[in-house]
């Protein structure tokens, strides 16, 4: 079995975060190693394909291109984006249609159907 030992350095304000985090892990009977593996799995799932950046040519060369918040962004970012889109009227119907596509595919998969 392979094994990797890693050390972590904490100082200043991070000490309070570390202590509170360790208290929670103890309360949940979870080791720091388990927490790190779980956190790494989440990081890989959410960012494994990278975070592509959008260059200006996406906007100038393709008039259909629309940048939106990523699927796993926080609620506030998504809500603020949708409110802005609704209030300005820009592409509002397209946003609704695209969300409908996601929901339809998700529901089909939940029912065990492959679209």
C-alpha atoms as a PDB file:
ATOM      1  CA  UNK A   1       0.000   0.000   0.000  1.00  0.00           C
ATOM      2  CA  UNK A   2       1.353   3.407  -0.966  1.00  0.00           C
ATOM      3  CA  UNK A   3       1.418   6.108   1.667  1.00  0.00           C
ATOM      4  CA  UNK A   4       2.024   9.849   1.520  1.00  0.00           C
ATOM      5  CA  UNK A   5       2.818  11.950   4.592  1.00  0.00           C
ATOM      6  CA  UNK A   6       2.290  15.690   4.254  1.00  0.00           C
ATOM      7  CA  UNK A   7       2.677  18.503   6.735  1.00  0.00           C
ATOM      8  CA  UNK A   8       0.613  21.675   6.867  1.00  0.00           C
ATOM      9  CA  UNK A   9       1.686  25.010   8.330  1.00  0.00           C
ATOM     10  CA  UNK A  10      -0.811  27.245  10.168  1.00  0.00           C
ATOM     11  CA  UNK A  11      -0.202  30.688  11.600  1.00  0.00           C
ATOM     12  CA  UNK A  12      -1.945  33.888  12.588  1.00  0.00           C
ATOM     13  CA  UNK A  13      -5.671  34.057  11.885  1.00  0.00           C
ATOM     14  CA  UNK A  14      -5.556  30.606  10.280  1.00  0.00           C
ATOM     15  CA  UNK A  15      -4.967  29.038  13.705  1.00  0.00           C
ATOM     16  CA  UNK A  16      -8.519  29.861  14.783  1.00  0.00           C
ATOM     17  CA  UNK A  17      -9.896  28.369  11.552  1.00  0.00           C
ATOM     18  CA  UNK A  18      -7.766  25.256  12.076  1.00  0.00           C
ATOM     19  CA  UNK A  19      -8.889  24.815  15.687  1.00  0.00           C
ATOM     20  CA  UNK A  20     -12.581  25.238  14.833  1.00  0.00           C
ATOM     21  CA  UNK A  21     -12.213  22.835  11.925  1.00  0.00           C
ATOM     22  CA  UNK A  22     -10.502  20.241  14.122  1.00  0.00           C
ATOM     23  CA  UNK A  23     -13.273  20.595  16.724  1.00  0.00           C
ATOM     24  CA  UNK A  24     -15.862  19.846  14.020  1.00  0.00           C
ATOM     25  CA  UNK A  25     -13.880  16.860  12.723  1.00  0.00           C
ATOM     26  CA  UNK A  26     -13.596  15.433  16.259  1.00  0.00           C
ATOM     27  CA  UNK A  27     -17.327  15.958  16.831  1.00  0.00           C
ATOM     28  CA  UNK A  28     -18.065  14.141  13.551  1.00  0.00           C
ATOM     29  CA  UNK A  29     -15.495  11.438  14.354  1.00  0.00           C
ATOM     30  CA  UNK A  30     -13.577  12.168  11.167  1.00  0.00           C
ATOM     31  CA  UNK A  31      -9.811  12.335  10.747  1.00  0.00           C
ATOM     32  CA  UNK A  32      -7.950  15.171   9.086  1.00  0.00           C
ATOM     33  CA  UNK A  33      -6.799  12.625   6.490  1.00  0.00           C
ATOM     34  CA  UNK A  34     -10.405  11.678   5.653  1.00  0.00           C
ATOM     35  CA  UNK A  35     -11.296  15.355   5.419  1.00  0.00           C
ATOM     36  CA  UNK A  36      -8.382  16.047   3.080  1.00  0.00           C
ATOM     37  CA  UNK A  37      -9.269  13.118   0.799  1.00  0.00           C
ATOM     38  CA  UNK A  38     -12.940  14.198   0.698  1.00  0.00           C
ATOM     39  CA  UNK A  39     -11.902  17.786  -0.037  1.00  0.00           C
ATOM     40  CA  UNK A  40      -9.525  16.669  -2.795  1.00  0.00           C
ATOM     41  CA  UNK A  41     -12.251  14.512  -4.381  1.00  0.00           C
ATOM     42  CA  UNK A  42     -14.601  17.505  -4.376  1.00  0.00           C
ATOM     43  CA  UNK A  43     -11.876  19.740  -5.835  1.00  0.00           C
ATOM     44  CA  UNK A  44     -11.173  17.250  -8.628  1.00  0.00           C
ATOM     45  CA  UNK A  45     -14.877  16.826  -9.386  1.00  0.00           C
ATOM     46  CA  UNK A  46     -15.515  20.561  -9.585  1.00  0.00           C
ATOM     47  CA  UNK A  47     -12.261  21.696 -11.194  1.00  0.00           C
ATOM     48  CA  UNK A  48     -10.689  18.602 -12.744  1.00  0.00           C
ATOM     49  CA  UNK A  49     -11.397  19.773 -16.266  1.00  0.00           C
ATOM     50  CA  UNK A  50      -9.922  23.158 -15.442  1.00  0.00           C
ATOM     51  CA  UNK A  51     -11.487  26.554 -15.307  1.00  0.00           C
ATOM     52  CA  UNK A  52     -11.382  27.813 -18.849  1.00  0.00           C
ATOM     53  CA  UNK A  53     -11.162  31.539 -19.272  1.00  0.00           C
ATOM     54  CA  UNK A  54     -13.098  33.426 -21.874  1.00  0.00           C
ATOM     55  CA  UNK A  55     -11.125  35.641 -24.202  1.00  0.00           C
ATOM     56  CA  UNK A  56     -12.681  38.625 -25.898  1.00  0.00           C
ATOM     57  CA  UNK A  57     -12.760  36.806 -29.221  1.00  0.00           C
ATOM     58  CA  UNK A  58     -15.479  34.534 -27.797  1.00  0.00           C
ATOM     59  CA  UNK A  59     -17.699  37.608 -27.659  1.00  0.00           C
ATOM     60  CA  UNK A  60     -16.647  39.274 -30.898  1.00  0.00           C
ATOM     61  CA  UNK A  61     -16.392  36.246 -33.190  1.00  0.00           C
ATOM     62  CA  UNK A  62     -19.423  34.330 -31.940  1.00  0.00           C
ATOM     63  CA  UNK A  63     -22.492  36.480 -31.350  1.00  0.00           C
ATOM     64  CA  UNK A  64     -24.301  33.487 -29.781  1.00  0.00           C
ATOM     65  CA  UNK A  65     -21.652  33.059 -27.063  1.00  0.00           C
ATOM     66  CA  UNK A  66     -23.025  33.796 -23.575  1.00  0.00           C
ATOM     67  CA  UNK A  67     -20.927  33.555 -20.424  1.00  0.00           C
ATOM     68  CA  UNK A  68     -22.867  32.494 -17.325  1.00  0.00           C
ATOM     69  CA  UNK A  69     -21.930  31.489 -13.775  1.00  0.00           C
ATOM     70  CA  UNK A  70     -20.630  27.932 -13.469  1.00  0.00           C
ATOM     71  CA  UNK A  71     -23.096  25.252 -12.400  1.00  0.00           C
ATOM     72  CA  UNK A  72     -21.609  24.835  -8.921  1.00  0.00           C
ATOM     73  CA  UNK A  73     -21.257  28.534  -8.051  1.00  0.00           C
ATOM     74  CA  UNK A  74     -22.831  29.793  -4.842  1.00  0.00           C
ATOM     75  CA  UNK A  75     -26.532  30.658  -4.668  1.00  0.00           C
ATOM     76  CA  UNK A  76     -25.915  34.395  -4.358  1.00  0.00           C
ATOM     77  CA  UNK A  77     -23.852  34.596  -7.551  1.00  0.00           C
ATOM     78  CA  UNK A  78     -26.419  32.635  -9.546  1.00  0.00           C
ATOM     79  CA  UNK A  79     -29.359  34.593  -8.093  1.00  0.00           C
ATOM     80  CA  UNK A  80     -27.671  37.956  -8.774  1.00  0.00           C
ATOM     81  CA  UNK A  81     -26.862  36.890 -12.339  1.00  0.00           C
ATOM     82  CA  UNK A  82     -30.460  35.825 -12.998  1.00  0.00           C
ATOM     83  CA  UNK A  83     -31.881  38.996 -11.443  1.00  0.00           C
ATOM     84  CA  UNK A  84     -29.594  41.086 -13.629  1.00  0.00           C
ATOM     85  CA  UNK A  85     -30.590  39.112 -16.713  1.00  0.00           C
ATOM     86  CA  UNK A  86     -34.287  39.461 -15.881  1.00  0.00           C
ATOM     87  CA  UNK A  87     -34.042  43.173 -15.120  1.00  0.00           C
ATOM     88  CA  UNK A  88     -32.105  44.007 -18.287  1.00  0.00           C
ATOM     89  CA  UNK A  89     -34.109  41.632 -20.480  1.00  0.00           C
ATOM     90  CA  UNK A  90     -30.922  40.374 -22.120  1.00  0.00           C
ATOM     91  CA  UNK A  91     -31.377  36.805 -23.309  1.00  0.00           C
ATOM     92  CA  UNK A  92     -33.944  36.124 -20.544  1.00  0.00           C
ATOM     93  CA  UNK A  93     -35.957  33.664 -22.644  1.00  0.00           C
ATOM     94  CA  UNK A  94     -32.814  31.835 -23.755  1.00  0.00           C
ATOM     95  CA  UNK A  95     -31.731  31.449 -20.127  1.00  0.00           C
ATOM     96  CA  UNK A  96     -35.126  29.950 -19.262  1.00  0.00           C
ATOM     97  CA  UNK A  97     -34.977  27.577 -22.222  1.00  0.00           C
ATOM     98  CA  UNK A  98     -31.480  26.410 -21.312  1.00  0.00           C
ATOM     99  CA  UNK A  99     -32.435  25.832 -17.676  1.00  0.00           C
ATOM    100  CA  UNK A 100     -35.412  23.833 -18.978  1.00  0.00           C
ATOM    101  CA  UNK A 101     -33.060  21.657 -21.022  1.00  0.00           C
ATOM    102  CA  UNK A 102     -30.923  20.944 -17.931  1.00  0.00           C
ATOM    103  CA  UNK A 103     -33.972  20.140 -15.782  1.00  0.00           C
ATOM    104  CA  UNK A 104     -35.477  17.896 -18.469  1.00  0.00           C
ATOM    105  CA  UNK A 105     -32.265  15.900 -18.889  1.00  0.00           C
ATOM    106  CA  UNK A 106     -31.763  15.685 -15.126  1.00  0.00           C
ATOM    107  CA  UNK A 107     -35.320  14.438 -14.573  1.00  0.00           C
ATOM    108  CA  UNK A 108     -34.962  11.841 -17.356  1.00  0.00           C
ATOM    109  CA  UNK A 109     -31.765  10.523 -15.806  1.00  0.00           C
ATOM    110  CA  UNK A 110     -33.381  10.430 -12.357  1.00  0.00           C
ATOM    111  CA  UNK A 111     -36.165   8.262 -13.818  1.00  0.00           C
ATOM    112  CA  UNK A 112     -33.513   5.952 -15.251  1.00  0.00           C
ATOM    113  CA  UNK A 113     -33.970   7.052 -18.828  1.00  0.00           C
ATOM    114  CA  UNK A 114     -31.031   7.916 -21.014  1.00  0.00           C
ATOM    115  CA  UNK A 115     -31.831  10.846 -23.286  1.00  0.00           C
END
